[in-house]
Amino acid sequence: MLHRNVTLHVSSGFSTLLKTGTRWTQVGRIAQGDVFRTKDQIVQVEASNVYEAYVVLNGNNIVGFYLPVERTFTAASPPVVIELDSQ
């Protein structure tokens, strides 16, 4: 469970807020890290379009987003260190 709200930025788009209390499930792995999705919040990345997004973690760092429809990765600028509750 996410311990606090986290705001992520991508270099070519707008900020994305990840909400406190969301529960994350690992759904895969890419070169940049482990891919997680949540059913507690709709996560979107907005740039030239709006994209459904999954969070990519490398250790305790959110390093970016995996866009499942496009099958691509977009980096967080900068990566963000997070705390996760074990609940």
PDB file of N, CA and C in Angstrom:
ATOM      1  N   MET A   1       0.857  -1.176   0.000  1.00  0.00           N
ATOM      2  CA  MET A   1       0.000   0.000   0.000  1.00  0.00           C
ATOM      3  C   MET A   1       0.899   1.234   0.000  1.00  0.00           C
ATOM      4  N   LEU A   2       0.507   2.202  -0.784  1.00  0.00           N
ATOM      5  CA  LEU A   2       1.276   3.440  -0.866  1.00  0.00           C
ATOM      6  C   LEU A   2       1.098   4.237   0.421  1.00  0.00           C
ATOM      7  N   HIS A   3       2.203   4.649   1.024  1.00  0.00           N
ATOM      8  CA  HIS A   3       2.217   5.294   2.338  1.00  0.00           C
ATOM      9  C   HIS A   3       1.809   6.771   2.300  1.00  0.00           C
ATOM     10  N   ARG A   4       2.072   7.447   1.181  1.00  0.00           N
ATOM     11  CA  ARG A   4       1.732   8.880   1.065  1.00  0.00           C
ATOM     12  C   ARG A   4       1.470   9.205  -0.400  1.00  0.00           C
ATOM     13  N   ASN A   5       0.799  10.334  -0.643  1.00  0.00           N
ATOM     14  CA  ASN A   5       0.603  10.791  -2.015  1.00  0.00           C
ATOM     15  C   ASN A   5       1.959  11.017  -2.673  1.00  0.00           C
ATOM     16  N   VAL A   6       2.058  10.674  -3.942  1.00  0.00           N
ATOM     17  CA  VAL A   6       3.287  10.871  -4.702  1.00  0.00           C
ATOM     18  C   VAL A   6       2.920  11.544  -6.015  1.00  0.00           C
ATOM     19  N   THR A   7       3.617  12.612  -6.334  1.00  0.00           N
ATOM     20  CA  THR A   7       3.432  13.276  -7.620  1.00  0.00           C
ATOM     21  C   THR A   7       4.638  12.974  -8.491  1.00  0.00           C
ATOM     22  N   LEU A   8       4.364  12.463  -9.680  1.00  0.00           N
ATOM     23  CA  LEU A   8       5.418  12.119 -10.633  1.00  0.00           C
ATOM     24  C   LEU A   8       5.323  13.026 -11.847  1.00  0.00           C
ATOM     25  N   HIS A   9       6.463  13.337 -12.392  1.00  0.00           N
ATOM     26  CA  HIS A   9       6.537  14.168 -13.585  1.00  0.00           C
ATOM     27  C   HIS A   9       7.189  13.368 -14.706  1.00  0.00           C
ATOM     28  N   VAL A  10       6.744  13.593 -15.912  1.00  0.00           N
ATOM     29  CA  VAL A  10       7.414  13.060 -17.098  1.00  0.00           C
ATOM     30  C   VAL A  10       7.878  14.250 -17.917  1.00  0.00           C
ATOM     31  N   SER A  11       8.980  14.089 -18.611  1.00  0.00           N
ATOM     32  CA  SER A  11       9.591  15.238 -19.292  1.00  0.00           C
ATOM     33  C   SER A  11       8.701  15.818 -20.389  1.00  0.00           C
ATOM     34  N   SER A  12       7.864  14.999 -21.006  1.00  0.00           N
ATOM     35  CA  SER A  12       7.067  15.504 -22.123  1.00  0.00           C
ATOM     36  C   SER A  12       5.588  15.620 -21.797  1.00  0.00           C
ATOM     37  N   GLY A  13       5.247  15.737 -20.494  1.00  0.00           N
ATOM     38  CA  GLY A  13       3.834  15.782 -20.160  1.00  0.00           C
ATOM     39  C   GLY A  13       3.562  16.454 -18.834  1.00  0.00           C
ATOM     40  N   PHE A  14       2.396  16.154 -18.293  1.00  0.00           N
ATOM     41  CA  PHE A  14       1.920  16.749 -17.056  1.00  0.00           C
ATOM     42  C   PHE A  14       2.205  15.835 -15.864  1.00  0.00           C
ATOM     43  N   SER A  15       2.016  16.360 -14.672  1.00  0.00           N
ATOM     44  CA  SER A  15       2.221  15.583 -13.449  1.00  0.00           C
ATOM     45  C   SER A  15       1.115  14.546 -13.284  1.00  0.00           C
ATOM     46  N   THR A  16       1.458  13.444 -12.617  1.00  0.00           N
ATOM     47  CA  THR A  16       0.507  12.388 -12.295  1.00  0.00           C
ATOM     48  C   THR A  16       0.556  12.156 -10.793  1.00  0.00           C
ATOM     49  N   LEU A  17      -0.607  12.144 -10.142  1.00  0.00           N
ATOM     50  CA  LEU A  17      -0.706  11.933  -8.708  1.00  0.00           C
ATOM     51  C   LEU A  17      -1.046  10.474  -8.430  1.00  0.00           C
ATOM     52  N   LEU A  18      -0.250   9.836  -7.572  1.00  0.00           N
ATOM     53  CA  LEU A  18      -0.554   8.501  -7.061  1.00  0.00           C
ATOM     54  C   LEU A  18      -1.041   8.689  -5.630  1.00  0.00           C
ATOM     55  N   LYS A  19      -2.220   8.157  -5.319  1.00  0.00           N
ATOM     56  CA  LYS A  19      -2.886   8.451  -4.057  1.00  0.00           C
ATOM     57  C   LYS A  19      -2.488   7.520  -2.922  1.00  0.00           C
ATOM     58  N   THR A  20      -2.432   8.092  -1.715  1.00  0.00           N
ATOM     59  CA  THR A  20      -2.208   7.332  -0.497  1.00  0.00           C
ATOM     60  C   THR A  20      -3.245   6.221  -0.385  1.00  0.00           C
ATOM     61  N   GLY A  21      -2.804   5.057   0.077  1.00  0.00           N
ATOM     62  CA  GLY A  21      -3.732   3.958   0.339  1.00  0.00           C
ATOM     63  C   GLY A  21      -3.994   3.053  -0.840  1.00  0.00           C
ATOM     64  N   THR A  22      -3.482   3.376  -2.022  1.00  0.00           N
ATOM     65  CA  THR A  22      -3.699   2.488  -3.154  1.00  0.00           C
ATOM     66  C   THR A  22      -2.871   1.228  -2.975  1.00  0.00           C
ATOM     67  N   ARG A  23      -3.444   0.118  -3.383  1.00  0.00           N
ATOM     68  CA  ARG A  23      -2.765  -1.183  -3.308  1.00  0.00           C
ATOM     69  C   ARG A  23      -2.276  -1.556  -4.702  1.00  0.00           C
ATOM     70  N   TRP A  24      -1.044  -2.037  -4.759  1.00  0.00           N
ATOM     71  CA  TRP A  24      -0.387  -2.308  -6.039  1.00  0.00           C
ATOM     72  C   TRP A  24      -0.105  -3.791  -6.192  1.00  0.00           C
ATOM     73  N   THR A  25      -0.297  -4.300  -7.402  1.00  0.00           N
ATOM     74  CA  THR A  25      -0.042  -5.691  -7.728  1.00  0.00           C
ATOM     75  C   THR A  25       0.963  -5.750  -8.868  1.00  0.00           C
ATOM     76  N   GLN A  26       2.004  -6.562  -8.703  1.00  0.00           N
ATOM     77  CA  GLN A  26       2.985  -6.689  -9.774  1.00  0.00           C
ATOM     78  C   GLN A  26       2.370  -7.477 -10.922  1.00  0.00           C
ATOM     79  N   VAL A  27       2.500  -6.936 -12.144  1.00  0.00           N
ATOM     80  CA  VAL A  27       1.934  -7.578 -13.325  1.00  0.00           C
ATOM     81  C   VAL A  27       2.998  -7.916 -14.369  1.00  0.00           C
ATOM     82  N   GLY A  28       4.246  -7.579 -14.091  1.00  0.00           N
ATOM     83  CA  GLY A  28       5.293  -7.904 -15.047  1.00  0.00           C
ATOM     84  C   GLY A  28       6.612  -7.268 -14.690  1.00  0.00           C
ATOM     85  N   ARG A  29       7.552  -7.391 -15.627  1.00  0.00           N
ATOM     86  CA  ARG A  29       8.885  -6.817 -15.449  1.00  0.00           C
ATOM     87  C   ARG A  29       9.383  -6.383 -16.813  1.00  0.00           C
ATOM     88  N   ILE A  30      10.011  -5.209 -16.849  1.00  0.00           N
ATOM     89  CA  ILE A  30      10.665  -4.717 -18.052  1.00  0.00           C
ATOM     90  C   ILE A  30      12.107  -4.375 -17.680  1.00  0.00           C
ATOM     91  N   ALA A  31      12.900  -3.978 -18.628  1.00  0.00           N
ATOM     92  CA  ALA A  31      14.317  -3.683 -18.369  1.00  0.00           C
ATOM     93  C   ALA A  31      14.498  -2.634 -17.275  1.00  0.00           C
ATOM     94  N   GLN A  32      13.579  -1.675 -17.169  1.00  0.00           N
ATOM     95  CA  GLN A  32      13.708  -0.575 -16.212  1.00  0.00           C
ATOM     96  C   GLN A  32      13.271  -0.953 -14.798  1.00  0.00           C
ATOM     97  N   GLY A  33      12.524  -2.052 -14.622  1.00  0.00           N
ATOM     98  CA  GLY A  33      12.093  -2.455 -13.293  1.00  0.00           C
ATOM     99  C   GLY A  33      10.826  -3.285 -13.300  1.00  0.00           C
ATOM    100  N   ASP A  34      10.221  -3.426 -12.128  1.00  0.00           N
ATOM    101  CA  ASP A  34       8.990  -4.198 -11.959  1.00  0.00           C
ATOM    102  C   ASP A  34       7.781  -3.323 -12.263  1.00  0.00           C
ATOM    103  N   VAL A  35       6.799  -3.898 -12.948  1.00  0.00           N
ATOM    104  CA  VAL A  35       5.605  -3.164 -13.385  1.00  0.00           C
ATOM    105  C   VAL A  35       4.451  -3.502 -12.448  1.00  0.00           C
ATOM    106  N   PHE A  36       3.790  -2.454 -11.921  1.00  0.00           N
ATOM    107  CA  PHE A  36       2.675  -2.610 -10.987  1.00  0.00           C
ATOM    108  C   PHE A  36       1.449  -1.858 -11.487  1.00  0.00           C
ATOM    109  N   ARG A  37       0.287  -2.432 -11.204  1.00  0.00           N
ATOM    110  CA  ARG A  37      -0.974  -1.739 -11.492  1.00  0.00           C
ATOM    111  C   ARG A  37      -1.835  -1.740 -10.246  1.00  0.00           C
ATOM    112  N   THR A  38      -2.831  -0.873 -10.241  1.00  0.00           N
ATOM    113  CA  THR A  38      -3.763  -0.797  -9.123  1.00  0.00           C
ATOM    114  C   THR A  38      -5.183  -0.742  -9.659  1.00  0.00           C
ATOM    115  N   LYS A  39      -6.101  -1.266  -8.877  1.00  0.00           N
ATOM    116  CA  LYS A  39      -7.524  -1.161  -9.194  1.00  0.00           C
ATOM    117  C   LYS A  39      -8.180  -0.079  -8.345  1.00  0.00           C
ATOM    118  N   ASP A  40      -7.380   0.553  -7.459  1.00  0.00           N
ATOM    119  CA  ASP A  40      -7.890   1.576  -6.545  1.00  0.00           C
ATOM    120  C   ASP A  40      -7.927   2.969  -7.163  1.00  0.00           C
ATOM    121  N   GLN A  41      -7.246   3.139  -8.285  1.00  0.00           N
ATOM    122  CA  GLN A  41      -7.126   4.457  -8.904  1.00  0.00           C
ATOM    123  C   GLN A  41      -6.864   4.255 -10.394  1.00  0.00           C
ATOM    124  N   ILE A  42      -7.414   5.115 -11.221  1.00  0.00           N
ATOM    125  CA  ILE A  42      -7.072   5.108 -12.638  1.00  0.00           C
ATOM    126  C   ILE A  42      -5.818   5.949 -12.793  1.00  0.00           C
ATOM    127  N   VAL A  43      -4.745   5.325 -13.256  1.00  0.00           N
ATOM    128  CA  VAL A  43      -3.477   6.029 -13.428  1.00  0.00           C
ATOM    129  C   VAL A  43      -3.328   6.361 -14.901  1.00  0.00           C
ATOM    130  N   GLN A  44      -3.111   7.646 -15.173  1.00  0.00           N
ATOM    131  CA  GLN A  44      -2.958   8.122 -16.538  1.00  0.00           C
ATOM    132  C   GLN A  44      -1.748   9.024 -16.642  1.00  0.00           C
ATOM    133  N   VAL A  45      -1.119   8.972 -17.809  1.00  0.00           N
ATOM    134  CA  VAL A  45      -0.041   9.895 -18.154  1.00  0.00           C
ATOM    135  C   VAL A  45      -0.571  10.764 -19.278  1.00  0.00           C
ATOM    136  N   GLU A  46      -0.449  12.077 -19.109  1.00  0.00           N
ATOM    137  CA  GLU A  46      -0.954  13.003 -20.121  1.00  0.00           C
ATOM    138  C   GLU A  46       0.205  13.754 -20.751  1.00  0.00           C
ATOM    139  N   ALA A  47       0.306  13.625 -22.060  1.00  0.00           N
ATOM    140  CA  ALA A  47       1.289  14.375 -22.859  1.00  0.00           C
ATOM    141  C   ALA A  47       0.514  14.899 -24.069  1.00  0.00           C
ATOM    142  N   SER A  48       0.860  14.475 -25.262  1.00  0.00           N
ATOM    143  CA  SER A  48       0.092  14.881 -26.438  1.00  0.00           C
ATOM    144  C   SER A  48      -1.267  14.193 -26.446  1.00  0.00           C
ATOM    145  N   ASN A  49      -1.389  13.054 -25.777  1.00  0.00           N
ATOM    146  CA  ASN A  49      -2.628  12.314 -25.571  1.00  0.00           C
ATOM    147  C   ASN A  49      -2.672  11.892 -24.108  1.00  0.00           C
ATOM    148  N   VAL A  50      -3.752  11.208 -23.730  1.00  0.00           N
ATOM    149  CA  VAL A  50      -3.870  10.644 -22.387  1.00  0.00           C
ATOM    150  C   VAL A  50      -3.701   9.133 -22.518  1.00  0.00           C
ATOM    151  N   TYR A  51      -2.818   8.554 -21.675  1.00  0.00           N
ATOM    152  CA  TYR A  51      -2.483   7.146 -21.766  1.00  0.00           C
ATOM    153  C   TYR A  51      -2.756   6.446 -20.440  1.00  0.00           C
ATOM    154  N   GLU A  52      -3.317   5.240 -20.504  1.00  0.00           N
ATOM    155  CA  GLU A  52      -3.388   4.395 -19.315  1.00  0.00           C
ATOM    156  C   GLU A  52      -1.957   4.046 -18.939  1.00  0.00           C
ATOM    157  N   ALA A  53      -1.668   4.000 -17.629  1.00  0.00           N
ATOM    158  CA  ALA A  53      -0.293   3.777 -17.211  1.00  0.00           C
ATOM    159  C   ALA A  53      -0.218   2.856 -16.002  1.00  0.00           C
ATOM    160  N   TYR A  54       0.847   2.074 -15.956  1.00  0.00           N
ATOM    161  CA  TYR A  54       1.215   1.275 -14.796  1.00  0.00           C
ATOM    162  C   TYR A  54       2.515   1.853 -14.252  1.00  0.00           C
ATOM    163  N   VAL A  55       2.724   1.734 -12.966  1.00  0.00           N
ATOM    164  CA  VAL A  55       3.923   2.268 -12.324  1.00  0.00           C
ATOM    165  C   VAL A  55       5.082   1.277 -12.480  1.00  0.00           C
ATOM    166  N   VAL A  56       6.285   1.803 -12.700  1.00  0.00           N
ATOM    167  CA  VAL A  56       7.483   0.965 -12.790  1.00  0.00           C
ATOM    168  C   VAL A  56       8.393   1.310 -11.615  1.00  0.00           C
ATOM    169  N   LEU A  57       8.686   0.284 -10.802  1.00  0.00           N
ATOM    170  CA  LEU A  57       9.547   0.437  -9.626  1.00  0.00           C
ATOM    171  C   LEU A  57      10.874  -0.278  -9.851  1.00  0.00           C
ATOM    172  N   ASN A  58      11.934   0.383  -9.421  1.00  0.00           N
ATOM    173  CA  ASN A  58      13.249  -0.238  -9.369  1.00  0.00           C
ATOM    174  C   ASN A  58      13.709  -0.056  -7.928  1.00  0.00           C
ATOM    175  N   GLY A  59      13.601  -1.123  -7.132  1.00  0.00           N
ATOM    176  CA  GLY A  59      13.820  -0.996  -5.690  1.00  0.00           C
ATOM    177  C   GLY A  59      12.690  -0.180  -5.097  1.00  0.00           C
ATOM    178  N   ASN A  60      13.015   0.864  -4.331  1.00  0.00           N
ATOM    179  CA  ASN A  60      12.007   1.774  -3.768  1.00  0.00           C
ATOM    180  C   ASN A  60      11.867   3.050  -4.579  1.00  0.00           C
ATOM    181  N   ASN A  61      12.320   3.026  -5.820  1.00  0.00           N
ATOM    182  CA  ASN A  61      12.232   4.200  -6.697  1.00  0.00           C
ATOM    183  C   ASN A  61      11.189   3.979  -7.777  1.00  0.00           C
ATOM    184  N   ILE A  62      10.256   4.920  -7.891  1.00  0.00           N
ATOM    185  CA  ILE A  62       9.378   4.910  -9.058  1.00  0.00           C
ATOM    186  C   ILE A  62      10.186   5.558 -10.180  1.00  0.00           C
ATOM    187  N   VAL A  63      10.502   4.770 -11.188  1.00  0.00           N
ATOM    188  CA  VAL A  63      11.366   5.256 -12.269  1.00  0.00           C
ATOM    189  C   VAL A  63      10.582   5.697 -13.493  1.00  0.00           C
ATOM    190  N   GLY A  64       9.284   5.398 -13.515  1.00  0.00           N
ATOM    191  CA  GLY A  64       8.483   5.829 -14.644  1.00  0.00           C
ATOM    192  C   GLY A  64       7.197   5.036 -14.764  1.00  0.00           C
ATOM    193  N   PHE A  65       6.670   5.031 -15.973  1.00  0.00           N
ATOM    194  CA  PHE A  65       5.397   4.386 -16.261  1.00  0.00           C
ATOM    195  C   PHE A  65       5.539   3.454 -17.456  1.00  0.00           C
ATOM    196  N   TYR A  66       4.827   2.333 -17.362  1.00  0.00           N
ATOM    197  CA  TYR A  66       4.675   1.452 -18.509  1.00  0.00           C
ATOM    198  C   TYR A  66       3.303   1.740 -19.091  1.00  0.00           C
ATOM    199  N   LEU A  67       3.235   1.984 -20.391  1.00  0.00           N
ATOM    200  CA  LEU A  67       1.971   2.265 -21.073  1.00  0.00           C
ATOM    201  C   LEU A  67       1.554   0.980 -21.784  1.00  0.00           C
ATOM    202  N   PRO A  68       0.588   0.222 -21.216  1.00  0.00           N
ATOM    203  CA  PRO A  68       0.287  -1.114 -21.720  1.00  0.00           C
ATOM    204  C   PRO A  68      -0.272  -1.150 -23.139  1.00  0.00           C
ATOM    205  N   VAL A  69      -1.076  -0.201 -23.518  1.00  0.00           N
ATOM    206  CA  VAL A  69      -1.642  -0.209 -24.877  1.00  0.00           C
ATOM    207  C   VAL A  69      -0.548   0.053 -25.903  1.00  0.00           C
ATOM    208  N   GLU A  70       0.339   0.988 -25.589  1.00  0.00           N
ATOM    209  CA  GLU A  70       1.425   1.342 -26.503  1.00  0.00           C
ATOM    210  C   GLU A  70       2.627   0.407 -26.373  1.00  0.00           C
ATOM    211  N   ARG A  71       2.664  -0.352 -25.267  1.00  0.00           N
ATOM    212  CA  ARG A  71       3.781  -1.263 -24.959  1.00  0.00           C
ATOM    213  C   ARG A  71       5.116  -0.531 -24.939  1.00  0.00           C
ATOM    214  N   THR A  72       5.116   0.572 -24.188  1.00  0.00           N
ATOM    215  CA  THR A  72       6.323   1.385 -24.099  1.00  0.00           C
ATOM    216  C   THR A  72       6.503   1.910 -22.683  1.00  0.00           C
ATOM    217  N   PHE A  73       7.687   2.394 -22.408  1.00  0.00           N
ATOM    218  CA  PHE A  73       8.048   2.951 -21.109  1.00  0.00           C
ATOM    219  C   PHE A  73       8.290   4.444 -21.267  1.00  0.00           C
ATOM    220  N   THR A  74       7.847   5.219 -20.281  1.00  0.00           N
ATOM    221  CA  THR A  74       8.186   6.636 -20.219  1.00  0.00           C
ATOM    222  C   THR A  74       8.758   6.922 -18.832  1.00  0.00           C
ATOM    223  N   ALA A  75       9.892   7.585 -18.804  1.00  0.00           N
ATOM    224  CA  ALA A  75      10.626   7.796 -17.552  1.00  0.00           C
ATOM    225  C   ALA A  75      10.040   8.926 -16.719  1.00  0.00           C
ATOM    226  N   ALA A  76      10.101   8.754 -15.406  1.00  0.00           N
ATOM    227  CA  ALA A  76       9.773   9.835 -14.475  1.00  0.00           C
ATOM    228  C   ALA A  76      10.969  10.780 -14.445  1.00  0.00           C
ATOM    229  N   SER A  77      10.685  12.057 -14.347  1.00  0.00           N
ATOM    230  CA  SER A  77      11.757  13.050 -14.362  1.00  0.00           C
ATOM    231  C   SER A  77      11.568  14.014 -13.197  1.00  0.00           C
ATOM    232  N   PRO A  78      12.215  13.761 -12.075  1.00  0.00           N
ATOM    233  CA  PRO A  78      13.176  12.706 -11.732  1.00  0.00           C
ATOM    234  C   PRO A  78      12.449  11.503 -11.140  1.00  0.00           C
ATOM    235  N   PRO A  79      13.155  10.344 -10.978  1.00  0.00           N
ATOM    236  CA  PRO A  79      12.577   9.222 -10.242  1.00  0.00           C
ATOM    237  C   PRO A  79      12.236   9.652  -8.815  1.00  0.00           C
ATOM    238  N   VAL A  80      11.283   8.972  -8.185  1.00  0.00           N
ATOM    239  CA  VAL A  80      10.833   9.346  -6.850  1.00  0.00           C
ATOM    240  C   VAL A  80      10.978   8.154  -5.905  1.00  0.00           C
ATOM    241  N   VAL A  81      11.598   8.375  -4.744  1.00  0.00           N
ATOM    242  CA  VAL A  81      11.710   7.353  -3.713  1.00  0.00           C
ATOM    243  C   VAL A  81      10.379   7.294  -2.964  1.00  0.00           C
ATOM    244  N   ILE A  82       9.871   6.084  -2.740  1.00  0.00           N
ATOM    245  CA  ILE A  82       8.596   5.942  -2.043  1.00  0.00           C
ATOM    246  C   ILE A  82       8.738   5.027  -0.838  1.00  0.00           C
ATOM    247  N   GLU A  83       7.733   5.118   0.049  1.00  0.00           N
ATOM    248  CA  GLU A  83       7.590   4.205   1.180  1.00  0.00           C
ATOM    249  C   GLU A  83       6.307   3.428   0.951  1.00  0.00           C
ATOM    250  N   LEU A  84       6.382   2.123   1.132  1.00  0.00           N
ATOM    251  CA  LEU A  84       5.202   1.278   0.992  1.00  0.00           C
ATOM    252  C   LEU A  84       4.860   0.655   2.319  1.00  0.00           C
ATOM    253  N   ASP A  85       3.569   0.667   2.700  1.00  0.00           N
ATOM    254  CA  ASP A  85       3.106  -0.059   3.878  1.00  0.00           C
ATOM    255  C   ASP A  85       3.008  -1.527   3.511  1.00  0.00           C
ATOM    256  N   SER A  86       3.192  -2.394   4.466  1.00  0.00           N
ATOM    257  CA  SER A  86       3.112  -3.824   4.210  1.00  0.00           C
ATOM    258  C   SER A  86       1.677  -4.359   4.276  1.00  0.00           C
ATOM    259  N   GLN A  87       0.719  -3.531   4.614  1.00  0.00           N
ATOM    260  CA  GLN A  87      -0.676  -3.977   4.780  1.00  0.00           C
ATOM    261  C   GLN A  87      -1.314  -4.258   3.464  1.00  0.00           C
TER     262      GLN A  87
END
